[in-house]
Amino acid sequence: MRDITSCVSEYAVEVVSDKSCINIINSPDSNPSILNSVTCYYKPVLSTQKQIPMITITWAKNTASSQSLTINFGEEITTFKLNTNPRLFKKLKGTKSIQLYSPRATKIEISWDLSSARYQTGPEPVSGYYILVTIDSEPGLILGDLTRRQPISKPGTKFSLVSRREQFSGGTAHYTTKTRFGDSGRAHDVSIRCSGEEEKEGGVVKKNVGNWVLCVCIDKKMVVNVKRLKWNFRGNQTIFLDGLLLDLMWDLHAWFSRNGNGNAGVFMFRTRRSGFDSSLWRLEDKTTSDKGQDCGVDFSLMIYACL
């Protein structure tokens, strides 16, 4: 008898090396939108089996002079915030101790070195930095490529990236990112683009939003192409990638309703271990609670797109 994954994958889009998205990605009006913030949710695994709240790392960049790193633990208020703009703030290397009292008394120490951090277009550094979070003297989270400079008392630090959220702004509706959907998989280039047919009204050329088209590409291979997006503003597609089932979901109702609740469209990529999990839009309890990996969900990438 065949397993459920092999059955579901028969009807999924398999991503292979292809060039079918090159013309769309390189079209004249496809300049990517601006990445304003990146939020990652990490679940530490301690040798003592002590339950620790989710660690939330947020890199944000609002203006040329406003750039920050924020670290939260569970539902606690902001426990650590650092201005990461080297021109305005010089304390880009240091340590800070924090005491948590829920659910149990826990001593946290944060060490960081961003003095040599290198950035591309977004607020998250790509190299030249490290962040170390120790929990009761045991390393719970290590980020960056300079961790060899920081002495670690216990090797084999274990933690998992449960969810990653990226927020974009800009009217081009073209969003690009790079992510790894599994611990053993390679990093993939993800491109999301929404474009509309042009029409003339009163001598003015403008986009016909009623005929917008959604195109999603992974490694330059088109995996989703949805026409008349105004009437298909919600949907989902299953993708088979790196031996995983990957649910791709989109909800763009806010783009077209403009009902005062914001204008952010949401795209979500979510891996799953089992083909039986049909609760596609179960978001909040997967990323912000301690139940992040109890229901068959390995990792989710969420993209908030503000026009």
C-alpha atoms as a PDB file:
ATOM      1  CA  MET A   1       0.000   0.000   0.000  1.00  0.00           C
ATOM      2  CA  ARG A   2       1.358   3.413  -0.933  1.00  0.00           C
ATOM      3  CA  ASP A   3       1.885   6.080   1.721  1.00  0.00           C
ATOM      4  CA  ILE A   4      -0.182   9.262   1.729  1.00  0.00           C
ATOM      5  CA  THR A   5       2.758  11.480   0.730  1.00  0.00           C
ATOM      6  CA  SER A   6       3.357   9.604  -2.509  1.00  0.00           C
ATOM      7  CA  CYS A   7      -0.358   9.757  -3.335  1.00  0.00           C
ATOM      8  CA  VAL A   8      -0.671  13.478  -2.692  1.00  0.00           C
ATOM      9  CA  SER A   9       2.543  14.267  -4.572  1.00  0.00           C
ATOM     10  CA  GLU A  10       1.022  12.829  -7.753  1.00  0.00           C
ATOM     11  CA  TYR A  11      -1.271  15.850  -7.877  1.00  0.00           C
ATOM     12  CA  ALA A  12       1.288  18.382  -6.667  1.00  0.00           C
ATOM     13  CA  VAL A  13       3.463  20.664  -8.762  1.00  0.00           C
ATOM     14  CA  GLU A  14       7.011  19.317  -8.794  1.00  0.00           C
ATOM     15  CA  VAL A  15       9.695  22.009  -8.913  1.00  0.00           C
ATOM     16  CA  VAL A  16      12.508  21.184 -11.326  1.00  0.00           C
ATOM     17  CA  SER A  17      15.229  23.228 -13.012  1.00  0.00           C
ATOM     18  CA  ASP A  18      13.550  25.404 -15.634  1.00  0.00           C
ATOM     19  CA  LYS A  19      13.722  28.875 -17.178  1.00  0.00           C
ATOM     20  CA  SER A  20       9.997  29.477 -17.602  1.00  0.00           C
ATOM     21  CA  CYS A  21       9.937  32.440 -15.197  1.00  0.00           C
ATOM     22  CA  ILE A  22      12.904  34.420 -16.533  1.00  0.00           C
ATOM     23  CA  ASN A  23      10.865  36.686 -18.809  1.00  0.00           C
ATOM     24  CA  ILE A  24       8.386  37.485 -16.031  1.00  0.00           C
ATOM     25  CA  ILE A  25      11.036  38.184 -13.382  1.00  0.00           C
ATOM     26  CA  ASN A  26      13.087  40.362 -15.721  1.00  0.00           C
ATOM     27  CA  SER A  27      10.174  42.327 -17.207  1.00  0.00           C
ATOM     28  CA  PRO A  28      10.611  46.146 -17.184  1.00  0.00           C
ATOM     29  CA  ASP A  29       8.008  46.793 -14.458  1.00  0.00           C
ATOM     30  CA  SER A  30       9.059  44.008 -12.102  1.00  0.00           C
ATOM     31  CA  ASN A  31      11.332  45.913  -9.707  1.00  0.00           C
ATOM     32  CA  PRO A  32      11.052  44.170  -6.313  1.00  0.00           C
ATOM     33  CA  SER A  33       9.203  45.817  -3.431  1.00  0.00           C
ATOM     34  CA  ILE A  34      11.050  46.968  -0.307  1.00  0.00           C
ATOM     35  CA  LEU A  35      11.665  44.476   2.513  1.00  0.00           C
ATOM     36  CA  ASN A  36      10.865  46.338   5.749  1.00  0.00           C
ATOM     37  CA  SER A  37      11.094  43.631   8.402  1.00  0.00           C
ATOM     38  CA  VAL A  38      11.998  39.989   8.977  1.00  0.00           C
ATOM     39  CA  THR A  39      10.687  38.068  11.997  1.00  0.00           C
ATOM     40  CA  CYS A  40      11.908  34.546  12.823  1.00  0.00           C
ATOM     41  CA  TYR A  41      10.452  32.219  15.474  1.00  0.00           C
ATOM     42  CA  TYR A  42      12.908  29.743  17.002  1.00  0.00           C
ATOM     43  CA  LYS A  43      12.211  26.816  19.316  1.00  0.00           C
ATOM     44  CA  PRO A  44      15.222  25.972  21.536  1.00  0.00           C
ATOM     45  CA  VAL A  45      15.780  22.380  22.655  1.00  0.00           C
ATOM     46  CA  LEU A  46      17.708  22.105  25.930  1.00  0.00           C
ATOM     47  CA  SER A  47      19.498  19.043  27.294  1.00  0.00           C
ATOM     48  CA  THR A  48      17.572  19.507  30.563  1.00  0.00           C
ATOM     49  CA  GLN A  49      14.232  19.203  28.656  1.00  0.00           C
ATOM     50  CA  LYS A  50      13.172  22.458  30.270  1.00  0.00           C
ATOM     51  CA  GLN A  51      10.321  24.118  28.388  1.00  0.00           C
ATOM     52  CA  ILE A  52      11.352  27.556  27.094  1.00  0.00           C
ATOM     53  CA  PRO A  53       9.091  30.090  25.364  1.00  0.00           C
ATOM     54  CA  MET A  54       9.567  30.652  21.652  1.00  0.00           C
ATOM     55  CA  ILE A  55      12.429  33.046  20.844  1.00  0.00           C
ATOM     56  CA  THR A  56      11.396  35.752  18.384  1.00  0.00           C
ATOM     57  CA  ILE A  57      14.058  37.639  16.425  1.00  0.00           C
ATOM     58  CA  THR A  58      12.916  40.714  14.464  1.00  0.00           C
ATOM     59  CA  TRP A  59      15.072  42.738  12.089  1.00  0.00           C
ATOM     60  CA  ALA A  60      13.379  45.969  11.011  1.00  0.00           C
ATOM     61  CA  LYS A  61      14.217  48.922   8.806  1.00  0.00           C
ATOM     62  CA  ASN A  62      11.676  51.711   8.527  1.00  0.00           C
ATOM     63  CA  THR A  63      13.815  54.510   7.110  1.00  0.00           C
ATOM     64  CA  ALA A  64      17.445  55.037   6.168  1.00  0.00           C
ATOM     65  CA  SER A  65      18.188  55.988   9.800  1.00  0.00           C
ATOM     66  CA  SER A  66      15.826  53.611  11.615  1.00  0.00           C
ATOM     67  CA  GLN A  67      17.172  50.073  11.765  1.00  0.00           C
ATOM     68  CA  SER A  68      16.767  47.724  14.711  1.00  0.00           C
ATOM     69  CA  LEU A  69      17.029  44.234  16.192  1.00  0.00           C
ATOM     70  CA  THR A  70      14.388  43.072  18.684  1.00  0.00           C
ATOM     71  CA  ILE A  71      14.393  39.826  20.698  1.00  0.00           C
ATOM     72  CA  ASN A  72      11.298  38.571  22.529  1.00  0.00           C
ATOM     73  CA  PHE A  73      10.638  35.443  24.587  1.00  0.00           C
ATOM     74  CA  GLY A  74       7.130  34.027  24.237  1.00  0.00           C
ATOM     75  CA  GLU A  75       4.354  36.499  24.922  1.00  0.00           C
ATOM     76  CA  GLU A  76       6.584  38.693  27.082  1.00  0.00           C
ATOM     77  CA  ILE A  77       6.900  42.389  26.290  1.00  0.00           C
ATOM     78  CA  THR A  78       9.993  43.379  24.343  1.00  0.00           C
ATOM     79  CA  THR A  79      12.949  42.104  26.360  1.00  0.00           C
ATOM     80  CA  PHE A  80      15.795  43.326  24.179  1.00  0.00           C
ATOM     81  CA  LYS A  81      16.013  46.002  21.491  1.00  0.00           C
ATOM     82  CA  LEU A  82      19.077  47.341  19.714  1.00  0.00           C
ATOM     83  CA  ASN A  83      19.523  50.066  17.110  1.00  0.00           C
ATOM     84  CA  THR A  84      21.613  48.339  14.442  1.00  0.00           C
ATOM     85  CA  ASN A  85      22.428  51.414  12.360  1.00  0.00           C
ATOM     86  CA  PRO A  86      26.239  51.731  12.715  1.00  0.00           C
ATOM     87  CA  ARG A  87      26.183  55.445  11.859  1.00  0.00           C
ATOM     88  CA  LEU A  88      23.916  56.336  14.773  1.00  0.00           C
ATOM     89  CA  PHE A  89      24.622  53.727  17.413  1.00  0.00           C
ATOM     90  CA  LYS A  90      28.073  52.444  18.329  1.00  0.00           C
ATOM     91  CA  LYS A  91      27.214  49.697  20.790  1.00  0.00           C
ATOM     92  CA  LEU A  92      27.077  46.960  18.169  1.00  0.00           C
ATOM     93  CA  LYS A  93      28.884  44.457  20.371  1.00  0.00           C
ATOM     94  CA  GLY A  94      28.051  43.445  23.917  1.00  0.00           C
ATOM     95  CA  THR A  95      26.073  41.252  26.323  1.00  0.00           C
ATOM     96  CA  LYS A  96      22.884  41.607  28.335  1.00  0.00           C
ATOM     97  CA  SER A  97      21.351  39.441  31.092  1.00  0.00           C
ATOM     98  CA  ILE A  98      17.599  38.924  31.441  1.00  0.00           C
ATOM     99  CA  GLN A  99      15.567  37.070  34.057  1.00  0.00           C
ATOM    100  CA  LEU A 100      12.348  35.350  32.964  1.00  0.00           C
ATOM    101  CA  TYR A 101       9.777  34.172  35.508  1.00  0.00           C
ATOM    102  CA  SER A 102       7.219  32.427  33.307  1.00  0.00           C
ATOM    103  CA  PRO A 103       6.600  29.530  33.117  1.00  0.00           C
ATOM    104  CA  ARG A 104       9.659  28.925  35.344  1.00  0.00           C
ATOM    105  CA  ALA A 105      12.489  31.111  36.574  1.00  0.00           C
ATOM    106  CA  THR A 106      15.086  31.219  33.798  1.00  0.00           C
ATOM    107  CA  LYS A 107      18.311  33.161  33.394  1.00  0.00           C
ATOM    108  CA  ILE A 108      18.887  34.445  29.856  1.00  0.00           C
ATOM    109  CA  GLU A 109      22.081  35.977  28.524  1.00  0.00           C
ATOM    110  CA  ILE A 110      22.301  37.578  25.074  1.00  0.00           C
ATOM    111  CA  SER A 111      25.665  38.172  23.387  1.00  0.00           C
ATOM    112  CA  TRP A 112      25.971  39.932  20.056  1.00  0.00           C
ATOM    113  CA  ASP A 113      28.521  41.343  17.632  1.00  0.00           C
ATOM    114  CA  LEU A 114      27.154  43.362  14.706  1.00  0.00           C
ATOM    115  CA  SER A 115      30.190  45.613  14.328  1.00  0.00           C
ATOM    116  CA  SER A 116      31.214  43.952  11.048  1.00  0.00           C
ATOM    117  CA  ALA A 117      27.740  43.000   9.834  1.00  0.00           C
ATOM    118  CA  ARG A 118      27.101  43.227   6.110  1.00  0.00           C
ATOM    119  CA  TYR A 119      23.670  43.862   4.660  1.00  0.00           C
ATOM    120  CA  GLN A 120      22.082  43.697   1.239  1.00  0.00           C
ATOM    121  CA  THR A 121      18.751  45.425   0.596  1.00  0.00           C
ATOM    122  CA  GLY A 122      16.906  44.185   3.678  1.00  0.00           C
ATOM    123  CA  PRO A 123      17.281  44.786   7.438  1.00  0.00           C
ATOM    124  CA  GLU A 124      18.704  41.315   8.178  1.00  0.00           C
ATOM    125  CA  PRO A 125      22.507  40.929   7.968  1.00  0.00           C
ATOM    126  CA  VAL A 126      23.820  38.324   5.544  1.00  0.00           C
ATOM    127  CA  SER A 127      27.295  37.870   7.060  1.00  0.00           C
ATOM    128  CA  GLY A 128      29.846  39.294   9.495  1.00  0.00           C
ATOM    129  CA  TYR A 129      27.832  38.934  12.721  1.00  0.00           C
ATOM    130  CA  TYR A 130      26.715  36.606  15.507  1.00  0.00           C
ATOM    131  CA  ILE A 131      23.957  36.411  18.103  1.00  0.00           C
ATOM    132  CA  LEU A 132      24.188  33.940  20.984  1.00  0.00           C
ATOM    133  CA  VAL A 133      21.379  33.299  23.462  1.00  0.00           C
ATOM    134  CA  THR A 134      22.270  31.180  26.488  1.00  0.00           C
ATOM    135  CA  ILE A 135      19.541  29.757  28.722  1.00  0.00           C
ATOM    136  CA  ASP A 136      20.584  28.815  32.258  1.00  0.00           C
ATOM    137  CA  SER A 137      24.203  28.776  31.002  1.00  0.00           C
ATOM    138  CA  GLU A 138      23.349  26.437  28.110  1.00  0.00           C
ATOM    139  CA  PRO A 139      23.458  27.731  24.495  1.00  0.00           C
ATOM    140  CA  GLY A 140      19.891  27.866  23.172  1.00  0.00           C
ATOM    141  CA  LEU A 141      20.262  29.819  19.938  1.00  0.00           C
ATOM    142  CA  ILE A 142      23.232  30.693  17.733  1.00  0.00           C
ATOM    143  CA  LEU A 143      22.877  32.871  14.630  1.00  0.00           C
ATOM    144  CA  GLY A 144      25.406  34.305  12.202  1.00  0.00           C
ATOM    145  CA  ASP A 145      28.733  33.245  10.709  1.00  0.00           C
ATOM    146  CA  LEU A 146      31.066  34.560  13.427  1.00  0.00           C
ATOM    147  CA  THR A 147      30.040  32.139  16.186  1.00  0.00           C
ATOM    148  CA  ARG A 148      33.552  30.681  16.261  1.00  0.00           C
ATOM    149  CA  ARG A 149      34.703  33.885  17.997  1.00  0.00           C
ATOM    150  CA  GLN A 150      32.347  33.280  20.915  1.00  0.00           C
ATOM    151  CA  PRO A 151      33.371  30.554  23.405  1.00  0.00           C
ATOM    152  CA  ILE A 152      30.559  28.040  23.928  1.00  0.00           C
ATOM    153  CA  SER A 153      30.610  25.869  27.041  1.00  0.00           C
ATOM    154  CA  LYS A 154      28.419  23.047  25.664  1.00  0.00           C
ATOM    155  CA  PRO A 155      28.626  21.955  22.025  1.00  0.00           C
ATOM    156  CA  GLY A 156      25.716  20.672  19.966  1.00  0.00           C
ATOM    157  CA  THR A 157      23.256  23.534  20.393  1.00  0.00           C
ATOM    158  CA  LYS A 158      19.823  22.434  19.183  1.00  0.00           C
ATOM    159  CA  PHE A 159      17.078  24.732  17.976  1.00  0.00           C
ATOM    160  CA  SER A 160      14.578  24.796  15.130  1.00  0.00           C
ATOM    161  CA  LEU A 161      13.263  27.602  12.950  1.00  0.00           C
ATOM    162  CA  VAL A 162       9.486  27.230  13.188  1.00  0.00           C
ATOM    163  CA  SER A 163       8.383  30.221  11.142  1.00  0.00           C
ATOM    164  CA  ARG A 164       9.712  33.177   9.183  1.00  0.00           C
ATOM    165  CA  ARG A 165       7.691  36.286   8.383  1.00  0.00           C
ATOM    166  CA  GLU A 166       8.705  38.979   5.923  1.00  0.00           C
ATOM    167  CA  GLN A 167       6.904  42.281   5.422  1.00  0.00           C
ATOM    168  CA  PHE A 168       7.208  44.207   2.166  1.00  0.00           C
ATOM    169  CA  SER A 169       5.943  47.587   1.012  1.00  0.00           C
ATOM    170  CA  GLY A 170       5.803  49.283  -2.361  1.00  0.00           C
ATOM    171  CA  GLY A 171       3.419  49.466  -5.271  1.00  0.00           C
ATOM    172  CA  THR A 172       5.248  47.170  -7.697  1.00  0.00           C
ATOM    173  CA  ALA A 173       3.762  43.992  -6.160  1.00  0.00           C
ATOM    174  CA  HIS A 174       6.961  42.035  -6.777  1.00  0.00           C
ATOM    175  CA  TYR A 175       8.389  40.168  -3.779  1.00  0.00           C
ATOM    176  CA  THR A 176      11.606  38.150  -3.765  1.00  0.00           C
ATOM    177  CA  THR A 177      13.244  36.172  -0.992  1.00  0.00           C
ATOM    178  CA  LYS A 178      15.505  33.200  -0.368  1.00  0.00           C
ATOM    179  CA  THR A 179      14.669  30.459   2.106  1.00  0.00           C
ATOM    180  CA  ARG A 180      15.273  26.828   3.073  1.00  0.00           C
ATOM    181  CA  PHE A 181      12.111  24.776   3.582  1.00  0.00           C
ATOM    182  CA  GLY A 182      13.773  21.854   5.359  1.00  0.00           C
ATOM    183  CA  ASP A 183      16.831  21.286   7.516  1.00  0.00           C
ATOM    184  CA  SER A 184      18.382  19.033   4.880  1.00  0.00           C
ATOM    185  CA  GLY A 185      17.238  20.982   1.829  1.00  0.00           C
ATOM    186  CA  ARG A 186      19.049  23.720  -0.035  1.00  0.00           C
ATOM    187  CA  ALA A 187      18.100  27.386  -0.117  1.00  0.00           C
ATOM    188  CA  HIS A 188      15.572  28.299  -2.806  1.00  0.00           C
ATOM    189  CA  ASP A 189      14.867  31.570  -4.624  1.00  0.00           C
ATOM    190  CA  VAL A 190      11.211  32.549  -4.279  1.00  0.00           C
ATOM    191  CA  SER A 191       9.596  35.196  -6.452  1.00  0.00           C
ATOM    192  CA  ILE A 192       5.986  36.426  -6.195  1.00  0.00           C
ATOM    193  CA  ARG A 193       4.646  38.900  -8.702  1.00  0.00           C
ATOM    194  CA  CYS A 194       1.194  40.371  -9.297  1.00  0.00           C
ATOM    195  CA  SER A 195       0.631  42.388 -12.453  1.00  0.00           C
ATOM    196  CA  GLY A 196      -2.368  43.738 -14.312  1.00  0.00           C
ATOM    197  CA  GLU A 197      -3.265  44.386 -17.898  1.00  0.00           C
ATOM    198  CA  GLU A 198      -3.088  48.008 -18.943  1.00  0.00           C
ATOM    199  CA  GLU A 199      -6.150  49.875 -20.166  1.00  0.00           C
ATOM    200  CA  LYS A 200      -6.919  53.461 -21.180  1.00  0.00           C
ATOM    201  CA  GLU A 201      -9.543  55.492 -19.378  1.00  0.00           C
ATOM    202  CA  GLY A 202      -9.984  59.148 -20.252  1.00  0.00           C
ATOM    203  CA  GLY A 203      -6.642  59.151 -22.037  1.00  0.00           C
ATOM    204  CA  VAL A 204      -4.853  57.838 -18.937  1.00  0.00           C
ATOM    205  CA  VAL A 205      -3.119  54.432 -19.014  1.00  0.00           C
ATOM    206  CA  LYS A 206      -3.621  52.476 -15.787  1.00  0.00           C
ATOM    207  CA  LYS A 207      -3.601  48.946 -14.474  1.00  0.00           C
ATOM    208  CA  ASN A 208      -6.837  46.970 -14.750  1.00  0.00           C
ATOM    209  CA  VAL A 209      -6.887  45.426 -11.271  1.00  0.00           C
ATOM    210  CA  GLY A 210      -9.827  43.233 -12.219  1.00  0.00           C
ATOM    211  CA  ASN A 211      -7.498  41.368 -14.576  1.00  0.00           C
ATOM    212  CA  TRP A 212      -4.514  41.073 -12.265  1.00  0.00           C
ATOM    213  CA  VAL A 213      -2.448  37.913 -12.608  1.00  0.00           C
ATOM    214  CA  LEU A 214      -0.544  36.183  -9.777  1.00  0.00           C
ATOM    215  CA  CYS A 215       2.698  34.419 -10.686  1.00  0.00           C
ATOM    216  CA  VAL A 216       4.747  32.482  -8.105  1.00  0.00           C
ATOM    217  CA  CYS A 217       8.138  31.046  -9.055  1.00  0.00           C
ATOM    218  CA  ILE A 218      10.599  28.875  -7.136  1.00  0.00           C
ATOM    219  CA  ASP A 219      14.107  28.726  -8.610  1.00  0.00           C
ATOM    220  CA  LYS A 220      12.731  30.329 -11.823  1.00  0.00           C
ATOM    221  CA  LYS A 221      10.148  27.576 -12.207  1.00  0.00           C
ATOM    222  CA  MET A 222       6.539  28.790 -12.304  1.00  0.00           C
ATOM    223  CA  VAL A 223       4.456  26.915  -9.723  1.00  0.00           C
ATOM    224  CA  VAL A 224       1.340  29.121  -9.640  1.00  0.00           C
ATOM    225  CA  ASN A 225      -0.285  31.256 -12.336  1.00  0.00           C
ATOM    226  CA  VAL A 226      -3.681  32.668 -11.343  1.00  0.00           C
ATOM    227  CA  LYS A 227      -5.661  34.948 -13.674  1.00  0.00           C
ATOM    228  CA  ARG A 228      -8.475  37.362 -12.744  1.00  0.00           C
ATOM    229  CA  LEU A 229      -7.019  37.710  -9.278  1.00  0.00           C
ATOM    230  CA  LYS A 230      -9.805  40.003  -8.100  1.00  0.00           C
ATOM    231  CA  TRP A 231     -12.163  37.022  -8.230  1.00  0.00           C
ATOM    232  CA  ASN A 232      -9.565  34.460  -7.127  1.00  0.00           C
ATOM    233  CA  PHE A 233      -8.066  36.443  -4.246  1.00  0.00           C
ATOM    234  CA  ARG A 234      -7.891  33.345  -2.011  1.00  0.00           C
ATOM    235  CA  GLY A 235      -6.518  29.971  -2.958  1.00  0.00           C
ATOM    236  CA  ASN A 236      -3.943  27.268  -2.406  1.00  0.00           C
ATOM    237  CA  GLN A 237      -1.638  24.936  -4.324  1.00  0.00           C
ATOM    238  CA  THR A 238       0.382  21.921  -3.185  1.00  0.00           C
ATOM    239  CA  ILE A 239       4.026  21.729  -4.291  1.00  0.00           C
ATOM    240  CA  PHE A 240       6.433  18.813  -4.007  1.00  0.00           C
ATOM    241  CA  LEU A 241       9.881  20.187  -3.163  1.00  0.00           C
ATOM    242  CA  ASP A 242      12.995  18.588  -1.598  1.00  0.00           C
ATOM    243  CA  GLY A 243      10.956  15.481  -0.822  1.00  0.00           C
ATOM    244  CA  LEU A 244       8.442  17.575   1.158  1.00  0.00           C
ATOM    245  CA  LEU A 245       4.813  18.488   0.652  1.00  0.00           C
ATOM    246  CA  LEU A 246       4.657  22.279   0.551  1.00  0.00           C
ATOM    247  CA  ASP A 247       1.330  24.110   0.806  1.00  0.00           C
ATOM    248  CA  LEU A 248       1.268  27.499  -0.900  1.00  0.00           C
ATOM    249  CA  MET A 249      -1.665  29.694   0.145  1.00  0.00           C
ATOM    250  CA  TRP A 250      -2.595  33.280  -0.649  1.00  0.00           C
ATOM    251  CA  ASP A 251      -5.185  35.713   0.713  1.00  0.00           C
ATOM    252  CA  LEU A 252      -5.303  39.048  -1.128  1.00  0.00           C
ATOM    253  CA  HIS A 253      -8.789  40.148  -0.129  1.00  0.00           C
ATOM    254  CA  ALA A 254      -7.427  43.258   1.610  1.00  0.00           C
ATOM    255  CA  TRP A 255      -5.909  44.491  -1.651  1.00  0.00           C
ATOM    256  CA  PHE A 256      -9.292  44.750  -3.296  1.00  0.00           C
ATOM    257  CA  SER A 257     -11.659  45.495  -0.400  1.00  0.00           C
ATOM    258  CA  ARG A 258      -9.761  48.394   1.250  1.00  0.00           C
ATOM    259  CA  ASN A 259     -12.141  48.090   4.212  1.00  0.00           C
ATOM    260  CA  GLY A 260      -9.988  50.040   6.677  1.00  0.00           C
ATOM    261  CA  ASN A 261      -8.290  46.966   8.176  1.00  0.00           C
ATOM    262  CA  GLY A 262      -5.058  47.507   6.292  1.00  0.00           C
ATOM    263  CA  ASN A 263      -4.081  46.577   2.757  1.00  0.00           C
ATOM    264  CA  ALA A 264      -1.654  43.715   3.360  1.00  0.00           C
ATOM    265  CA  GLY A 265      -1.976  40.633   1.212  1.00  0.00           C
ATOM    266  CA  VAL A 266      -0.673  37.394   2.727  1.00  0.00           C
ATOM    267  CA  PHE A 267       1.285  34.596   1.065  1.00  0.00           C
ATOM    268  CA  MET A 268       2.172  31.498   3.061  1.00  0.00           C
ATOM    269  CA  PHE A 269       4.420  28.546   2.281  1.00  0.00           C
ATOM    270  CA  ARG A 270       3.991  25.725   4.793  1.00  0.00           C
ATOM    271  CA  THR A 271       5.676  22.341   4.909  1.00  0.00           C
ATOM    272  CA  ARG A 272       3.945  19.337   6.427  1.00  0.00           C
ATOM    273  CA  ARG A 273       5.002  15.840   7.372  1.00  0.00           C
ATOM    274  CA  SER A 274       1.614  14.288   6.620  1.00  0.00           C
ATOM    275  CA  GLY A 275      -0.905  14.586   3.822  1.00  0.00           C
ATOM    276  CA  PHE A 276      -3.736  14.313   6.369  1.00  0.00           C
ATOM    277  CA  ASP A 277      -3.310  17.839   7.757  1.00  0.00           C
ATOM    278  CA  SER A 278      -6.023  19.873   6.008  1.00  0.00           C
ATOM    279  CA  SER A 279      -6.060  22.952   8.279  1.00  0.00           C
ATOM    280  CA  LEU A 280      -4.217  25.169   5.849  1.00  0.00           C
ATOM    281  CA  TRP A 281      -4.712  28.557   7.489  1.00  0.00           C
ATOM    282  CA  ARG A 282      -3.931  27.649  11.105  1.00  0.00           C
ATOM    283  CA  LEU A 283      -1.403  30.451  11.599  1.00  0.00           C
ATOM    284  CA  GLU A 284      -1.166  32.028  15.024  1.00  0.00           C
ATOM    285  CA  ASP A 285      -0.861  28.881  17.143  1.00  0.00           C
ATOM    286  CA  LYS A 286       1.861  27.568  14.850  1.00  0.00           C
ATOM    287  CA  THR A 287       4.194  30.490  15.203  1.00  0.00           C
ATOM    288  CA  THR A 288       3.617  32.183  18.520  1.00  0.00           C
ATOM    289  CA  SER A 289       2.892  29.338  20.924  1.00  0.00           C
ATOM    290  CA  ASP A 290       4.805  26.398  22.284  1.00  0.00           C
ATOM    291  CA  LYS A 291       2.687  24.053  20.157  1.00  0.00           C
ATOM    292  CA  GLY A 292       4.537  24.979  16.991  1.00  0.00           C
ATOM    293  CA  GLN A 293       5.516  21.463  15.986  1.00  0.00           C
ATOM    294  CA  ASP A 294       2.876  19.282  17.575  1.00  0.00           C
ATOM    295  CA  CYS A 295       0.484  19.065  14.608  1.00  0.00           C
ATOM    296  CA  GLY A 296       2.671  17.962  11.716  1.00  0.00           C
ATOM    297  CA  VAL A 297       3.978  21.386  10.719  1.00  0.00           C
ATOM    298  CA  ASP A 298       7.727  21.749  10.209  1.00  0.00           C
ATOM    299  CA  PHE A 299       8.190  25.285   8.879  1.00  0.00           C
ATOM    300  CA  SER A 300       6.194  28.171   7.460  1.00  0.00           C
ATOM    301  CA  LEU A 301       7.239  31.215   5.451  1.00  0.00           C
ATOM    302  CA  MET A 302       4.778  34.103   5.541  1.00  0.00           C
ATOM    303  CA  ILE A 303       5.016  37.162   3.317  1.00  0.00           C
ATOM    304  CA  TYR A 304       2.948  40.235   4.160  1.00  0.00           C
ATOM    305  CA  ALA A 305       2.660  42.442   1.085  1.00  0.00           C
ATOM    306  CA  CYS A 306       1.491  46.037   1.490  1.00  0.00           C
ATOM    307  CA  LEU A 307       0.634  47.971  -1.678  1.00  0.00           C
END
